[in-house]
Amino acid sequence: GDHTLNQYGSGAGLPDLVKALEHKLATENG
């Protein structure tokens, strides 16, 4: 029901996803 997801998003990615990926890349992939 989040209507903001119907809009265009950031080209880099959703901020929450980018943050989670940054953590994964740093801690798991080094």
Full PDB file with SEQRES, HELIX, SHEET, SSBOND, CRYST1, ORIGX, SCALE, CONECT and MASTER records, all heavy atoms in Angstrom:
SEQRES   1 A   30  GLY ASP HIS THR LEU ASN GLN TYR GLY SER GLY ALA GLY          
SEQRES   2 A   30  LEU PRO ASP LEU VAL LYS ALA LEU GLU HIS LYS LEU ALA          
SEQRES   3 A   30  THR GLU ASN GLY                                              
HELIX    1 AA1 HIS A    3  ASN A    6  5                                   4    
HELIX    2 AA2 PRO A   15  THR A   27  1                                  13    
CRYST1    1.000    1.000    1.000  90.00  90.00  90.00 P 1           1          
ORIGX1      1.000000  0.000000  0.000000        0.00000                         
ORIGX2      0.000000  1.000000  0.000000        0.00000                         
ORIGX3      0.000000  0.000000  1.000000        0.00000                         
SCALE1      1.000000  0.000000  0.000000        0.00000                         
SCALE2      0.000000  1.000000  0.000000        0.00000                         
SCALE3      0.000000  0.000000  1.000000        0.00000                         
ATOM      1  N   GLY A   1       0.788  -1.227   0.000  1.00  0.00           N  
ATOM      2  CA  GLY A   1       0.000   0.000   0.000  1.00  0.00           C  
ATOM      3  C   GLY A   1       0.820   1.277   0.000  1.00  0.00           C  
ATOM      4  O   GLY A   1       0.252   2.379   0.122  1.00  0.00           O  
ATOM      5  N   ASP A   2       2.122   1.156  -0.123  1.00  0.00           N  
ATOM      6  CA  ASP A   2       3.002   2.333  -0.107  1.00  0.00           C  
ATOM      7  C   ASP A   2       2.984   2.987  -1.494  1.00  0.00           C  
ATOM      8  O   ASP A   2       3.619   2.512  -2.431  1.00  0.00           O  
ATOM      9  CB  ASP A   2       4.423   1.912   0.264  1.00  0.00           C  
ATOM     10  CG  ASP A   2       5.374   3.101   0.412  1.00  0.00           C  
ATOM     11  OD1 ASP A   2       4.989   4.223   0.044  1.00  0.00           O  
ATOM     12  OD2 ASP A   2       6.505   2.885   0.890  1.00  0.00           O  
ATOM     13  N   HIS A   3       2.257   4.072  -1.618  1.00  0.00           N  
ATOM     14  CA  HIS A   3       2.080   4.712  -2.920  1.00  0.00           C  
ATOM     15  C   HIS A   3       3.359   5.351  -3.444  1.00  0.00           C  
ATOM     16  O   HIS A   3       3.466   5.615  -4.648  1.00  0.00           O  
ATOM     17  CB  HIS A   3       0.959   5.753  -2.840  1.00  0.00           C  
ATOM     18  CG  HIS A   3      -0.367   5.170  -2.460  1.00  0.00           C  
ATOM     19  ND1 HIS A   3      -0.997   4.197  -3.214  1.00  0.00           N  
ATOM     20  CD2 HIS A   3      -1.178   5.407  -1.394  1.00  0.00           C  
ATOM     21  CE1 HIS A   3      -2.139   3.859  -2.638  1.00  0.00           C  
ATOM     22  NE2 HIS A   3      -2.273   4.567  -1.533  1.00  0.00           N  
ATOM     23  N   THR A   4       4.325   5.601  -2.585  1.00  0.00           N  
ATOM     24  CA  THR A   4       5.580   6.194  -3.067  1.00  0.00           C  
ATOM     25  C   THR A   4       6.336   5.228  -3.981  1.00  0.00           C  
ATOM     26  O   THR A   4       7.147   5.663  -4.806  1.00  0.00           O  
ATOM     27  CB  THR A   4       6.488   6.592  -1.894  1.00  0.00           C  
ATOM     28  OG1 THR A   4       6.883   5.413  -1.170  1.00  0.00           O  
ATOM     29  CG2 THR A   4       5.778   7.557  -0.958  1.00  0.00           C  
ATOM     30  N   LEU A   5       6.035   3.936  -3.839  1.00  0.00           N  
ATOM     31  CA  LEU A   5       6.717   2.949  -4.677  1.00  0.00           C  
ATOM     32  C   LEU A   5       6.197   2.959  -6.109  1.00  0.00           C  
ATOM     33  O   LEU A   5       6.766   2.297  -6.982  1.00  0.00           O  
ATOM     34  CB  LEU A   5       6.562   1.557  -4.070  1.00  0.00           C  
ATOM     35  CG  LEU A   5       7.185   1.369  -2.684  1.00  0.00           C  
ATOM     36  CD1 LEU A   5       6.911  -0.038  -2.161  1.00  0.00           C  
ATOM     37  CD2 LEU A   5       8.686   1.639  -2.713  1.00  0.00           C  
ATOM     38  N   ASN A   6       5.115   3.698  -6.354  1.00  0.00           N  
ATOM     39  CA  ASN A   6       4.612   3.846  -7.711  1.00  0.00           C  
ATOM     40  C   ASN A   6       5.370   4.922  -8.488  1.00  0.00           C  
ATOM     41  O   ASN A   6       5.210   5.035  -9.707  1.00  0.00           O  
ATOM     42  CB  ASN A   6       3.126   4.216  -7.696  1.00  0.00           C  
ATOM     43  CG  ASN A   6       2.269   3.147  -7.053  1.00  0.00           C  
ATOM     44  OD1 ASN A   6       2.512   1.963  -7.245  1.00  0.00           O  
ATOM     45  ND2 ASN A   6       1.273   3.556  -6.283  1.00  0.00           N  
ATOM     46  N   GLN A   7       6.174   5.672  -7.778  1.00  0.00           N  
ATOM     47  CA  GLN A   7       6.920   6.765  -8.405  1.00  0.00           C  
ATOM     48  C   GLN A   7       8.292   6.279  -8.881  1.00  0.00           C  
ATOM     49  O   GLN A   7       8.738   5.187  -8.540  1.00  0.00           O  
ATOM     50  CB  GLN A   7       7.100   7.913  -7.389  1.00  0.00           C  
ATOM     51  CG  GLN A   7       5.807   8.394  -6.775  1.00  0.00           C  
ATOM     52  CD  GLN A   7       4.823   8.900  -7.818  1.00  0.00           C  
ATOM     53  OE1 GLN A   7       5.197   9.617  -8.742  1.00  0.00           O  
ATOM     54  NE2 GLN A   7       3.553   8.521  -7.674  1.00  0.00           N  
ATOM     55  N   TYR A   8       8.969   7.133  -9.664  1.00  0.00           N  
ATOM     56  CA  TYR A   8      10.347   6.836 -10.016  1.00  0.00           C  
ATOM     57  C   TYR A   8      11.197   6.877  -8.756  1.00  0.00           C  
ATOM     58  O   TYR A   8      11.004   7.723  -7.877  1.00  0.00           O  
ATOM     59  CB  TYR A   8      10.897   7.861 -11.008  1.00  0.00           C  
ATOM     60  CG  TYR A   8      10.274   7.790 -12.385  1.00  0.00           C  
ATOM     61  CD1 TYR A   8       9.590   8.878 -12.913  1.00  0.00           C  
ATOM     62  CD2 TYR A   8      10.384   6.642 -13.163  1.00  0.00           C  
ATOM     63  CE1 TYR A   8       9.032   8.829 -14.178  1.00  0.00           C  
ATOM     64  CE2 TYR A   8       9.834   6.575 -14.429  1.00  0.00           C  
ATOM     65  CZ  TYR A   8       9.152   7.674 -14.937  1.00  0.00           C  
ATOM     66  OH  TYR A   8       8.602   7.611 -16.189  1.00  0.00           O  
ATOM     67  N   GLY A   9      12.176   5.978  -8.694  1.00  0.00           N  
ATOM     68  CA  GLY A   9      13.077   5.956  -7.551  1.00  0.00           C  
ATOM     69  C   GLY A   9      14.468   6.425  -7.925  1.00  0.00           C  
ATOM     70  O   GLY A   9      14.735   6.805  -9.072  1.00  0.00           O  
ATOM     71  N   SER A  10      15.347   6.380  -6.977  1.00  0.00           N  
ATOM     72  CA  SER A  10      16.740   6.766  -7.203  1.00  0.00           C  
ATOM     73  C   SER A  10      17.401   5.812  -8.178  1.00  0.00           C  
ATOM     74  O   SER A  10      17.191   4.586  -8.105  1.00  0.00           O  
ATOM     75  CB  SER A  10      17.502   6.751  -5.872  1.00  0.00           C  
ATOM     76  OG  SER A  10      18.902   6.789  -6.087  1.00  0.00           O  
ATOM     77  N   GLY A  11      18.194   6.346  -9.087  1.00  0.00           N  
ATOM     78  CA  GLY A  11      18.914   5.507 -10.028  1.00  0.00           C  
ATOM     79  C   GLY A  11      19.879   4.570  -9.345  1.00  0.00           C  
ATOM     80  O   GLY A  11      20.106   3.441  -9.816  1.00  0.00           O  
ATOM     81  N   ALA A  12      20.449   4.995  -8.235  1.00  0.00           N  
ATOM     82  CA  ALA A  12      21.401   4.154  -7.505  1.00  0.00           C  
ATOM     83  C   ALA A  12      20.709   3.024  -6.768  1.00  0.00           C  
ATOM     84  O   ALA A  12      21.298   1.962  -6.550  1.00  0.00           O  
ATOM     85  CB  ALA A  12      22.201   4.996  -6.520  1.00  0.00           C  
ATOM     86  N   GLY A  13      19.449   3.238  -6.395  1.00  0.00           N  
ATOM     87  CA  GLY A  13      18.716   2.229  -5.650  1.00  0.00           C  
ATOM     88  C   GLY A  13      18.014   2.821  -4.446  1.00  0.00           C  
ATOM     89  O   GLY A  13      18.341   3.938  -4.004  1.00  0.00           O  
ATOM     90  N   LEU A  14      17.039   2.101  -3.901  1.00  0.00           N  
ATOM     91  CA  LEU A  14      16.378   2.552  -2.683  1.00  0.00           C  
ATOM     92  C   LEU A  14      17.419   2.753  -1.585  1.00  0.00           C  
ATOM     93  O   LEU A  14      18.275   1.892  -1.388  1.00  0.00           O  
ATOM     94  CB  LEU A  14      15.353   1.515  -2.216  1.00  0.00           C  
ATOM     95  CG  LEU A  14      14.011   1.427  -2.964  1.00  0.00           C  
ATOM     96  CD1 LEU A  14      13.184   0.286  -2.382  1.00  0.00           C  
ATOM     97  CD2 LEU A  14      13.255   2.732  -2.873  1.00  0.00           C  
ATOM     98  N   PRO A  15      17.340   3.860  -0.853  1.00  0.00           N  
ATOM     99  CA  PRO A  15      18.344   4.115   0.193  1.00  0.00           C  
ATOM    100  C   PRO A  15      18.513   2.964   1.180  1.00  0.00           C  
ATOM    101  O   PRO A  15      19.644   2.617   1.551  1.00  0.00           O  
ATOM    102  CB  PRO A  15      17.809   5.381   0.875  1.00  0.00           C  
ATOM    103  CG  PRO A  15      17.064   6.091  -0.215  1.00  0.00           C  
ATOM    104  CD  PRO A  15      16.415   5.000  -1.022  1.00  0.00           C  
ATOM    105  N   ASP A  16      17.407   2.339   1.600  1.00  0.00           N  
ATOM    106  CA  ASP A  16      17.511   1.231   2.552  1.00  0.00           C  
ATOM    107  C   ASP A  16      18.247   0.043   1.941  1.00  0.00           C  
ATOM    108  O   ASP A  16      19.024  -0.645   2.623  1.00  0.00           O  
ATOM    109  CB  ASP A  16      16.130   0.780   3.016  1.00  0.00           C  
ATOM    110  CG  ASP A  16      15.485   1.757   3.979  1.00  0.00           C  
ATOM    111  OD1 ASP A  16      16.185   2.673   4.457  1.00  0.00           O  
ATOM    112  OD2 ASP A  16      14.274   1.608   4.245  1.00  0.00           O  
ATOM    113  N   LEU A  17      18.015  -0.203   0.650  1.00  0.00           N  
ATOM    114  CA  LEU A  17      18.700  -1.314  -0.013  1.00  0.00           C  
ATOM    115  C   LEU A  17      20.170  -1.000  -0.215  1.00  0.00           C  
ATOM    116  O   LEU A  17      21.033  -1.858   0.022  1.00  0.00           O  
ATOM    117  CB  LEU A  17      18.043  -1.615  -1.357  1.00  0.00           C  
ATOM    118  CG  LEU A  17      18.697  -2.721  -2.192  1.00  0.00           C  
ATOM    119  CD1 LEU A  17      18.795  -4.025  -1.400  1.00  0.00           C  
ATOM    120  CD2 LEU A  17      17.938  -2.946  -3.494  1.00  0.00           C  
ATOM    121  N   VAL A  18      20.468   0.203  -0.647  1.00  0.00           N  
ATOM    122  CA  VAL A  18      21.871   0.588  -0.837  1.00  0.00           C  
ATOM    123  C   VAL A  18      22.635   0.458   0.474  1.00  0.00           C  
ATOM    124  O   VAL A  18      23.764  -0.064   0.513  1.00  0.00           O  
ATOM    125  CB  VAL A  18      21.969   2.027  -1.390  1.00  0.00           C  
ATOM    126  CG1 VAL A  18      23.417   2.516  -1.371  1.00  0.00           C  
ATOM    127  CG2 VAL A  18      21.418   2.085  -2.810  1.00  0.00           C  
ATOM    128  N   LYS A  19      22.019   0.897   1.565  1.00  0.00           N  
ATOM    129  CA  LYS A  19      22.667   0.804   2.879  1.00  0.00           C  
ATOM    130  C   LYS A  19      22.915  -0.652   3.267  1.00  0.00           C  
ATOM    131  O   LYS A  19      24.003  -1.015   3.753  1.00  0.00           O  
ATOM    132  CB  LYS A  19      21.800   1.485   3.931  1.00  0.00           C  
ATOM    133  CG  LYS A  19      22.415   1.507   5.327  1.00  0.00           C  
ATOM    134  CD  LYS A  19      21.528   2.256   6.314  1.00  0.00           C  
ATOM    135  CE  LYS A  19      22.139   2.270   7.705  1.00  0.00           C  
ATOM    136  NZ  LYS A  19      21.258   2.995   8.684  1.00  0.00           N  
ATOM    137  N   ALA A  20      21.932  -1.516   3.018  1.00  0.00           N  
ATOM    138  CA  ALA A  20      22.087  -2.941   3.348  1.00  0.00           C  
ATOM    139  C   ALA A  20      23.162  -3.589   2.480  1.00  0.00           C  
ATOM    140  O   ALA A  20      23.947  -4.422   2.959  1.00  0.00           O  
ATOM    141  CB  ALA A  20      20.749  -3.662   3.166  1.00  0.00           C  
ATOM    142  N   LEU A  21      23.218  -3.215   1.219  1.00  0.00           N  
ATOM    143  CA  LEU A  21      24.241  -3.768   0.325  1.00  0.00           C  
ATOM    144  C   LEU A  21      25.630  -3.271   0.701  1.00  0.00           C  
ATOM    145  O   LEU A  21      26.610  -4.030   0.633  1.00  0.00           O  
ATOM    146  CB  LEU A  21      23.929  -3.403  -1.125  1.00  0.00           C  
ATOM    147  CG  LEU A  21      22.698  -4.094  -1.729  1.00  0.00           C  
ATOM    148  CD1 LEU A  21      22.384  -3.518  -3.102  1.00  0.00           C  
ATOM    149  CD2 LEU A  21      22.913  -5.603  -1.820  1.00  0.00           C  
ATOM    150  N   GLU A  22      25.734  -2.025   1.086  1.00  0.00           N  
ATOM    151  CA  GLU A  22      27.030  -1.496   1.518  1.00  0.00           C  
ATOM    152  C   GLU A  22      27.550  -2.277   2.718  1.00  0.00           C  
ATOM    153  O   GLU A  22      28.747  -2.599   2.789  1.00  0.00           O  
ATOM    154  CB  GLU A  22      26.890  -0.011   1.872  1.00  0.00           C  
ATOM    155  CG  GLU A  22      26.723   0.890   0.661  1.00  0.00           C  
ATOM    156  CD  GLU A  22      26.455   2.333   1.032  1.00  0.00           C  
ATOM    157  OE1 GLU A  22      26.053   2.592   2.197  1.00  0.00           O  
ATOM    158  OE2 GLU A  22      26.611   3.208   0.164  1.00  0.00           O  
ATOM    159  N   HIS A  23      26.647  -2.596   3.654  1.00  0.00           N  
ATOM    160  CA  HIS A  23      27.059  -3.369   4.827  1.00  0.00           C  
ATOM    161  C   HIS A  23      27.500  -4.770   4.414  1.00  0.00           C  
ATOM    162  O   HIS A  23      28.545  -5.260   4.873  1.00  0.00           O  
ATOM    163  CB  HIS A  23      25.895  -3.455   5.814  1.00  0.00           C  
ATOM    164  CG  HIS A  23      26.186  -4.305   7.017  1.00  0.00           C  
ATOM    165  ND1 HIS A  23      27.002  -3.875   8.052  1.00  0.00           N  
ATOM    166  CD2 HIS A  23      25.785  -5.575   7.337  1.00  0.00           C  
ATOM    167  CE1 HIS A  23      27.083  -4.834   8.963  1.00  0.00           C  
ATOM    168  NE2 HIS A  23      26.364  -5.866   8.549  1.00  0.00           N  
ATOM    169  N   LYS A  24      26.723  -5.411   3.536  1.00  0.00           N  
ATOM    170  CA  LYS A  24      27.056  -6.759   3.079  1.00  0.00           C  
ATOM    171  C   LYS A  24      28.392  -6.774   2.352  1.00  0.00           C  
ATOM    172  O   LYS A  24      29.248  -7.650   2.577  1.00  0.00           O  
ATOM    173  CB  LYS A  24      25.928  -7.282   2.195  1.00  0.00           C  
ATOM    174  CG  LYS A  24      26.161  -8.678   1.611  1.00  0.00           C  
ATOM    175  CD  LYS A  24      26.681  -8.630   0.187  1.00  0.00           C  
ATOM    176  CE  LYS A  24      26.834 -10.014  -0.415  1.00  0.00           C  
ATOM    177  NZ  LYS A  24      27.485 -10.004  -1.731  1.00  0.00           N  
ATOM    178  N   LEU A  25      28.613  -5.839   1.452  1.00  0.00           N  
ATOM    179  CA  LEU A  25      29.847  -5.797   0.659  1.00  0.00           C  
ATOM    180  C   LEU A  25      31.073  -5.558   1.531  1.00  0.00           C  
ATOM    181  O   LEU A  25      32.145  -6.120   1.283  1.00  0.00           O  
ATOM    182  CB  LEU A  25      29.733  -4.709  -0.409  1.00  0.00           C  
ATOM    183  CG  LEU A  25      28.761  -5.012  -1.554  1.00  0.00           C  
ATOM    184  CD1 LEU A  25      28.432  -3.738  -2.318  1.00  0.00           C  
ATOM    185  CD2 LEU A  25      29.354  -6.057  -2.493  1.00  0.00           C  
ATOM    186  N   ALA A  26      30.921  -4.726   2.548  1.00  0.00           N  
ATOM    187  CA  ALA A  26      32.052  -4.420   3.425  1.00  0.00           C  
ATOM    188  C   ALA A  26      32.360  -5.570   4.379  1.00  0.00           C  
ATOM    189  O   ALA A  26      33.527  -5.943   4.568  1.00  0.00           O  
ATOM    190  CB  ALA A  26      31.774  -3.136   4.209  1.00  0.00           C  
ATOM    191  N   THR A  27      31.321  -6.161   4.972  1.00  0.00           N  
ATOM    192  CA  THR A  27      31.546  -7.170   6.017  1.00  0.00           C  
ATOM    193  C   THR A  27      31.741  -8.573   5.457  1.00  0.00           C  
ATOM    194  O   THR A  27      32.536  -9.358   5.977  1.00  0.00           O  
ATOM    195  CB  THR A  27      30.374  -7.179   7.006  1.00  0.00           C  
ATOM    196  OG1 THR A  27      29.147  -7.436   6.301  1.00  0.00           O  
ATOM    197  CG2 THR A  27      30.274  -5.836   7.723  1.00  0.00           C  
ATOM    198  N   GLU A  28      31.008  -8.929   4.392  1.00  0.00           N  
ATOM    199  CA  GLU A  28      31.098 -10.285   3.846  1.00  0.00           C  
ATOM    200  C   GLU A  28      32.108 -10.396   2.704  1.00  0.00           C  
ATOM    201  O   GLU A  28      32.785 -11.423   2.585  1.00  0.00           O  
ATOM    202  CB  GLU A  28      29.718 -10.743   3.353  1.00  0.00           C  
ATOM    203  CG  GLU A  28      28.686 -10.889   4.457  1.00  0.00           C  
ATOM    204  CD  GLU A  28      27.366 -11.442   3.938  1.00  0.00           C  
ATOM    205  OE1 GLU A  28      27.356 -12.070   2.862  1.00  0.00           O  
ATOM    206  OE2 GLU A  28      26.344 -11.246   4.627  1.00  0.00           O  
ATOM    207  N   ASN A  29      32.197  -9.371   1.881  1.00  0.00           N  
ATOM    208  CA  ASN A  29      33.075  -9.436   0.710  1.00  0.00           C  
ATOM    209  C   ASN A  29      34.397  -8.714   0.896  1.00  0.00           C  
ATOM    210  O   ASN A  29      35.312  -8.893   0.094  1.00  0.00           O  
ATOM    211  CB  ASN A  29      32.364  -8.864  -0.524  1.00  0.00           C  
ATOM    212  CG  ASN A  29      31.090  -9.606  -0.866  1.00  0.00           C  
ATOM    213  OD1 ASN A  29      29.996  -9.073  -0.744  1.00  0.00           O  
ATOM    214  ND2 ASN A  29      31.206 -10.856  -1.300  1.00  0.00           N  
ATOM    215  N   GLY A  30      34.503  -7.901   1.929  1.00  0.00           N  
ATOM    216  CA  GLY A  30      35.757  -7.206   2.205  1.00  0.00           C  
ATOM    217  C   GLY A  30      36.112  -6.137   1.189  1.00  0.00           C  
ATOM    218  O   GLY A  30      37.287  -5.788   1.026  1.00  0.00           O  
TER     219      GLY A  30                                                      
MASTER        0    0    0    2    0    0    0    6  218    1    0    3          
END                                                                             
